[in-house]
Amino acid sequence: MPTMSELEEARRALDAPLFADLAGDAQVSFEFFPPKSEKMEAQLWDAIQTLAPLGPRFVSVTYGAGGSTRERTHATVARIAKETAIPAAAHLTCVEATKAEVDEIARAYWEAGVRHIVALRGDPPTLGARYVEHPGGYRNAADLVAGLRRIAPFDISVAAYPECHPDSTDPQADVDNLKAKIDAGATRAISQFFFSPEAFFRFRDRAAAAGIDAEIVPGILPVSNVAQTRKFAGACGAAIPSWMDRLFEGLDEHPAARQLVAATIAAEMCRKLYAGGVRHFHFYTLNRAELAFAICHLLGLRAGKPALEKAA
């Protein structure tokens, strides 16, 4: 006689394929980081060219700790806004800058045609250091959102943390912080990456119970380098399950196999999120398109006409 666990496994195997007949009604957005060299610039634009036909709602460009990529971020966002039909969002932080300096950057974005800001407190310039408010700067992300609202009618996204931010005292503090940002005028929240759909759903429920009705978009990080991901996770409080380490064991010399495993893990999680009502996914691309494109395809999206040229 089969055991209960064997019967459960058989039921899963006999169910309809996970990705069969999805409606293709999901929407996506993508995050990039500003390139440091001509080679990296070419890689970034290759990724944008690959992902543009999926019709992203927007693409965002990150902002280094302490404003270390300020000029490169501005140049990248401005180029996307000028040369493509994809709405471009610029990350902006409070770290090591006065209010006047941040306001000047925001006005420059508006003048460059950028209408979407991802407003963040930001990380300290030194990894592991304690965050310290700039004496003449914005106190936190909620304060920054309020400041941006005074400058121009930006579309403003903010961060959300399904698992505790390292600086938070408890999960409720993360929810309270998000509510302060939404109340200050943010349009939506984009979550930090996570590897448990249940963590996202629990956070979404806590946010709803706190009266937050703004859209909360899950941030998806397709993992092909566990060591690198562990470093990212340590800085933001995301938990990496032990089974993920086991799935990547023995693949150090097999990059193509790592890509396949990474796509499988991320696609399965996205499918579970989709089953829970999620219809917008934000992908942390690390300036590479293949994994995000494959997952979007599994979710039912199909490439249309490229959005790389603006209408005349």
Protein backbone atom coordinates (compact mmCIF):
# COMPACT_ATOMS: atom_id res chain seq x y z
CA MET A 1 0.00 0.00 0.00
CA PRO A 2 1.30 3.49 -0.83
CA THR A 3 1.97 5.77 2.10
CA MET A 4 0.13 9.06 2.58
CA SER A 5 3.20 11.00 1.42
CA GLU A 6 3.40 8.88 -1.73
CA LEU A 7 -0.28 9.47 -2.45
CA GLU A 8 0.22 13.21 -2.01
CA GLU A 9 3.19 13.16 -4.39
CA ALA A 10 1.16 11.18 -6.93
CA ARG A 11 -1.66 13.72 -6.70
CA ARG A 12 0.78 16.52 -7.45
CA ALA A 13 2.28 14.67 -10.40
CA LEU A 14 -1.15 13.93 -11.90
CA ASP A 15 -2.46 17.48 -11.55
CA ALA A 16 -2.51 19.74 -14.60
CA PRO A 17 0.90 21.21 -15.49
CA LEU A 18 1.70 24.20 -13.28
CA PHE A 19 1.99 26.66 -16.15
CA ALA A 20 -0.63 25.30 -18.53
CA ASP A 21 -3.11 27.80 -19.94
CA LEU A 22 -2.18 30.84 -17.83
CA ALA A 23 -4.15 33.83 -19.03
CA GLY A 24 -1.12 36.00 -19.73
CA ASP A 25 -2.66 38.71 -17.56
CA ALA A 26 0.40 39.25 -15.38
CA GLN A 27 2.29 42.53 -15.58
CA VAL A 28 5.98 42.93 -14.93
CA SER A 29 8.64 45.51 -14.18
CA PHE A 30 12.40 45.19 -14.08
CA GLU A 31 15.23 46.63 -12.01
CA PHE A 32 18.70 47.40 -13.36
CA PHE A 33 21.84 48.95 -11.89
CA PRO A 34 23.85 51.70 -13.60
CA PRO A 35 26.81 50.33 -15.61
CA LYS A 36 30.41 51.02 -14.60
CA SER A 37 32.06 50.45 -17.99
CA GLU A 38 31.35 50.42 -21.71
CA LYS A 39 31.13 46.63 -21.64
CA MET A 40 28.59 46.74 -18.81
CA GLU A 41 26.69 49.48 -20.62
CA ALA A 42 26.37 47.21 -23.66
CA GLN A 43 25.20 44.35 -21.43
CA LEU A 44 22.57 46.60 -19.83
CA TRP A 45 21.17 47.72 -23.16
CA ASP A 46 21.14 44.15 -24.44
CA ALA A 47 19.01 43.26 -21.40
CA ILE A 48 16.67 46.20 -22.02
CA GLN A 49 16.31 45.22 -25.69
CA THR A 50 15.47 41.64 -24.71
CA LEU A 51 12.92 42.54 -22.02
CA ALA A 52 11.28 45.56 -23.69
CA PRO A 53 8.98 43.48 -25.95
CA LEU A 54 7.32 42.07 -22.81
CA GLY A 55 5.77 45.51 -22.29
CA PRO A 56 7.00 46.26 -18.75
CA ARG A 57 4.99 48.75 -16.69
CA PHE A 58 8.30 50.41 -15.87
CA VAL A 59 11.98 49.74 -15.39
CA SER A 60 13.92 51.12 -12.43
CA VAL A 61 17.58 51.97 -11.97
CA THR A 62 19.27 51.61 -8.60
CA TYR A 63 21.19 54.20 -6.62
CA GLY A 64 24.40 53.14 -4.86
CA ALA A 65 25.00 53.38 -1.13
CA GLY A 66 25.73 56.94 -0.11
CA GLY A 67 24.81 58.22 -3.55
CA SER A 68 27.91 56.57 -5.02
CA THR A 69 26.26 56.05 -8.43
CA ARG A 70 24.36 59.35 -8.53
CA GLU A 71 25.63 60.55 -11.92
CA ARG A 72 25.54 57.11 -13.55
CA THR A 73 22.03 56.47 -12.26
CA HIS A 74 20.84 59.80 -13.66
CA ALA A 75 22.52 59.20 -17.02
CA THR A 76 21.01 55.71 -17.34
CA VAL A 77 17.49 56.76 -16.37
CA ALA A 78 17.62 59.84 -18.58
CA ARG A 79 18.74 57.73 -21.55
CA ILE A 80 15.92 55.23 -21.04
CA ALA A 81 13.41 58.08 -20.77
CA LYS A 82 14.79 59.79 -23.88
CA GLU A 83 15.45 56.84 -26.18
CA THR A 84 12.75 54.30 -25.32
CA ALA A 85 9.02 54.16 -24.76
CA ILE A 86 9.47 52.31 -21.45
CA PRO A 87 8.54 54.37 -18.37
CA ALA A 88 11.75 54.80 -16.37
CA ALA A 89 11.94 55.02 -12.58
CA ALA A 90 14.93 56.42 -10.70
CA HIS A 91 15.93 55.26 -7.24
CA LEU A 92 16.58 58.10 -4.81
CA THR A 93 17.84 57.83 -1.22
CA CYS A 94 18.33 60.02 1.85
CA VAL A 95 21.89 58.89 2.58
CA GLU A 96 24.65 61.50 3.01
CA ALA A 97 22.76 64.32 1.28
CA THR A 98 20.95 67.44 2.40
CA LYS A 99 17.32 68.05 1.54
CA ALA A 100 18.42 70.72 -0.93
CA GLU A 101 20.74 68.26 -2.71
CA VAL A 102 18.06 65.58 -2.95
CA ASP A 103 15.48 68.12 -4.12
CA GLU A 104 17.86 69.29 -6.84
CA ILE A 105 18.28 65.73 -8.10
CA ALA A 106 14.51 65.19 -8.10
CA ARG A 107 13.93 68.39 -10.08
CA ALA A 108 16.58 67.32 -12.59
CA TYR A 109 14.76 64.01 -13.07
CA TRP A 110 11.47 65.82 -13.65
CA GLU A 111 13.12 68.08 -16.21
CA ALA A 112 14.59 65.01 -17.94
CA GLY A 113 11.09 63.57 -18.35
CA VAL A 114 11.30 61.07 -15.48
CA ARG A 115 7.97 60.86 -13.68
CA HIS A 116 8.54 57.87 -11.39
CA ILE A 117 10.79 57.80 -8.32
CA VAL A 118 11.60 54.80 -6.12
CA ALA A 119 12.03 56.58 -2.77
CA LEU A 120 14.25 54.76 -0.26
CA ARG A 121 15.97 55.54 2.99
CA GLY A 122 19.10 53.91 1.56
CA ASP A 123 21.95 51.85 2.98
CA PRO A 124 25.00 53.25 4.79
CA PRO A 125 28.02 53.70 2.52
CA THR A 126 29.97 51.16 4.62
CA LEU A 127 28.51 47.65 4.62
CA GLY A 128 27.38 46.65 8.09
CA ALA A 129 27.61 50.16 9.51
CA ARG A 130 24.73 51.67 11.46
CA TYR A 131 22.51 54.06 9.53
CA VAL A 132 22.93 57.67 10.62
CA GLU A 133 20.60 60.46 9.52
CA HIS A 134 22.21 63.37 7.70
CA PRO A 135 21.75 66.42 9.94
CA GLY A 136 20.36 68.47 7.06
CA GLY A 137 18.72 65.65 5.17
CA TYR A 138 15.46 63.75 5.01
CA ARG A 139 14.98 61.62 8.11
CA ASN A 140 13.68 58.51 6.38
CA ALA A 141 11.79 57.28 3.31
CA ALA A 142 8.43 58.64 4.52
CA ASP A 143 9.98 62.08 4.96
CA LEU A 144 11.52 61.78 1.47
CA VAL A 145 8.14 60.84 -0.05
CA ALA A 146 6.55 63.93 1.50
CA GLY A 147 9.39 66.07 0.13
CA LEU A 148 9.00 64.65 -3.38
CA ARG A 149 5.27 65.36 -3.25
CA ARG A 150 6.08 69.04 -2.62
CA ILE A 151 8.34 69.16 -5.69
CA ALA A 152 6.22 67.55 -8.42
CA PRO A 153 3.38 65.03 -8.90
CA PHE A 154 5.74 62.06 -9.14
CA ASP A 155 4.56 58.45 -9.23
CA ILE A 156 6.36 57.17 -6.11
CA SER A 157 7.25 53.60 -5.24
CA VAL A 158 8.68 52.61 -1.86
CA ALA A 159 10.18 49.48 -0.33
CA ALA A 160 8.38 46.81 1.70
CA TYR A 161 9.92 44.01 3.74
CA PRO A 162 8.00 40.72 3.97
CA GLU A 163 10.69 39.51 6.38
CA CYS A 164 12.06 41.82 9.07
CA HIS A 165 14.37 44.61 7.92
CA PRO A 166 17.62 44.38 9.92
CA ASP A 167 16.85 47.73 11.58
CA SER A 168 13.27 46.80 12.53
CA THR A 169 12.36 45.79 16.06
CA ASP A 170 9.64 43.37 14.91
CA PRO A 171 7.41 42.57 11.89
CA GLN A 172 4.77 45.11 12.96
CA ALA A 173 7.38 47.88 12.83
CA ASP A 174 7.88 47.12 9.13
CA VAL A 175 4.14 47.40 8.52
CA ASP A 176 3.94 50.65 10.48
CA ASN A 177 6.85 52.07 8.48
CA LEU A 178 5.20 51.11 5.20
CA LYS A 179 1.94 52.75 6.28
CA ALA A 180 3.83 55.96 7.08
CA LYS A 181 5.29 55.95 3.57
CA ILE A 182 1.92 55.33 1.92
CA ASP A 183 0.25 57.98 4.09
CA ALA A 184 2.99 60.43 3.01
CA GLY A 185 1.96 59.98 -0.61
CA ALA A 186 3.60 56.84 -2.03
CA THR A 187 1.71 55.13 -4.85
CA ARG A 188 2.81 51.53 -4.34
CA ALA A 189 5.29 49.34 -2.51
CA ILE A 190 7.82 46.97 -4.08
CA SER A 191 8.93 44.22 -1.75
CA GLN A 192 12.45 43.12 -0.98
CA PHE A 193 13.18 39.69 -2.45
CA PHE A 194 12.10 36.57 -0.55
CA PHE A 195 11.98 32.84 -1.21
CA SER A 196 8.77 31.87 0.56
CA PRO A 197 5.41 32.82 -0.97
CA GLU A 198 3.88 32.41 2.48
CA ALA A 199 6.13 35.18 3.82
CA PHE A 200 4.76 37.55 1.18
CA PHE A 201 1.14 36.53 1.77
CA ARG A 202 1.47 36.95 5.55
CA PHE A 203 2.96 40.41 5.05
CA ARG A 204 0.20 41.35 2.60
CA ASP A 205 -2.41 40.28 5.17
CA ARG A 206 -0.73 42.32 7.94
CA ALA A 207 -0.60 45.34 5.65
CA ALA A 208 -4.29 45.02 4.80
CA ALA A 209 -5.16 44.70 8.49
CA ALA A 210 -3.26 47.95 9.10
CA GLY A 211 -5.40 49.76 6.53
CA ILE A 212 -2.86 49.76 3.70
CA ASP A 213 -4.75 49.48 0.42
CA ALA A 214 -1.92 50.48 -1.94
CA GLU A 215 -0.55 47.88 -4.33
CA ILE A 216 2.25 45.72 -2.89
CA VAL A 217 4.37 44.23 -5.67
CA PRO A 218 6.56 41.19 -4.89
CA GLY A 219 10.23 41.62 -5.75
CA ILE A 220 11.65 38.52 -7.42
CA LEU A 221 15.37 37.68 -7.43
CA PRO A 222 16.14 34.69 -9.68
CA VAL A 223 19.17 33.11 -7.97
CA SER A 224 22.05 31.55 -9.86
CA ASN A 225 24.78 32.42 -7.34
CA VAL A 226 23.86 31.42 -3.80
CA ALA A 227 26.95 32.98 -2.20
CA GLN A 228 26.17 36.35 -3.81
CA THR A 229 22.52 36.07 -2.82
CA ARG A 230 23.48 35.26 0.77
CA LYS A 231 25.44 38.53 0.86
CA PHE A 232 22.42 40.46 -0.47
CA ALA A 233 20.13 38.71 2.00
CA GLY A 234 22.30 39.59 4.99
CA ALA A 235 21.90 43.27 4.19
CA CYS A 236 18.11 43.19 3.92
CA GLY A 237 16.94 40.48 6.29
CA ALA A 238 15.77 37.93 3.70
CA ALA A 239 15.91 34.26 4.69
CA ILE A 240 17.55 31.74 2.35
CA PRO A 241 16.14 28.22 2.87
CA SER A 242 18.60 25.37 3.34
CA TRP A 243 17.08 23.46 0.44
CA MET A 244 18.27 26.16 -1.94
CA ASP A 245 21.90 25.47 -1.02
CA ARG A 246 21.34 21.78 -1.68
CA LEU A 247 19.79 22.41 -5.09
CA PHE A 248 22.88 24.33 -6.23
CA GLU A 249 25.43 21.86 -4.82
CA GLY A 250 27.83 20.54 -7.46
CA LEU A 251 26.91 23.17 -10.06
CA ASP A 252 29.87 25.55 -9.63
CA GLU A 253 31.37 24.41 -12.93
CA HIS A 254 28.03 24.13 -14.74
CA PRO A 255 26.69 27.67 -15.36
CA ALA A 256 24.01 26.56 -17.83
CA ALA A 257 22.65 24.05 -15.32
CA ARG A 258 22.67 26.74 -12.61
CA GLN A 259 20.55 28.93 -14.87
CA LEU A 260 18.02 26.14 -15.39
CA VAL A 261 17.78 25.44 -11.66
CA ALA A 262 17.47 29.16 -10.91
CA ALA A 263 14.65 29.60 -13.42
CA THR A 264 12.81 26.56 -12.05
CA ILE A 265 12.95 27.79 -8.43
CA ALA A 266 11.86 31.34 -9.23
CA ALA A 267 9.16 30.29 -11.69
CA GLU A 268 7.59 27.90 -9.17
CA MET A 269 7.46 30.66 -6.56
CA CYS A 270 5.94 33.10 -9.06
CA ARG A 271 3.31 30.50 -9.96
CA LYS A 272 2.36 30.17 -6.29
CA LEU A 273 2.15 33.95 -5.97
CA TYR A 274 -0.01 34.06 -9.10
CA ALA A 275 -2.32 31.45 -7.54
CA GLY A 276 -2.61 33.78 -4.55
CA GLY A 277 -3.84 36.65 -6.71
CA VAL A 278 -0.58 38.40 -7.56
CA ARG A 279 -0.62 39.92 -11.05
CA HIS A 280 2.42 42.20 -11.01
CA PHE A 281 5.96 40.96 -10.51
CA HIS A 282 9.08 43.10 -10.16
CA PHE A 283 12.29 41.34 -11.21
CA TYR A 284 15.73 42.16 -9.86
CA THR A 285 17.60 41.38 -13.08
CA LEU A 286 21.22 42.13 -12.09
CA ASN A 287 21.38 43.50 -15.66
CA ARG A 288 20.80 40.06 -17.20
CA ALA A 289 17.66 39.25 -19.12
CA GLU A 290 17.52 35.49 -19.66
CA LEU A 291 16.15 34.32 -16.31
CA ALA A 292 13.51 37.04 -16.04
CA PHE A 293 12.45 36.53 -19.67
CA ALA A 294 12.05 32.77 -19.18
CA ILE A 295 9.97 33.21 -16.02
CA CYS A 296 7.76 35.82 -17.70
CA HIS A 297 7.21 33.41 -20.60
CA LEU A 298 6.13 30.67 -18.18
CA LEU A 299 3.71 33.15 -16.59
CA GLY A 300 2.00 33.52 -19.96
CA LEU A 301 3.58 36.75 -21.22
CA ARG A 302 4.56 36.87 -24.87
CA ALA A 303 6.90 39.29 -26.55
CA GLY A 304 5.22 41.92 -28.66
CA LYS A 305 6.65 44.84 -30.53
CA PRO A 306 9.73 46.30 -28.90
CA ALA A 307 9.14 49.45 -26.87
CA LEU A 308 12.59 50.78 -27.65
CA GLU A 309 11.56 53.53 -30.01
CA LYS A 310 9.28 56.37 -29.11
CA ALA A 311 6.39 57.15 -31.39
CA ALA A 312 7.09 60.03 -33.74
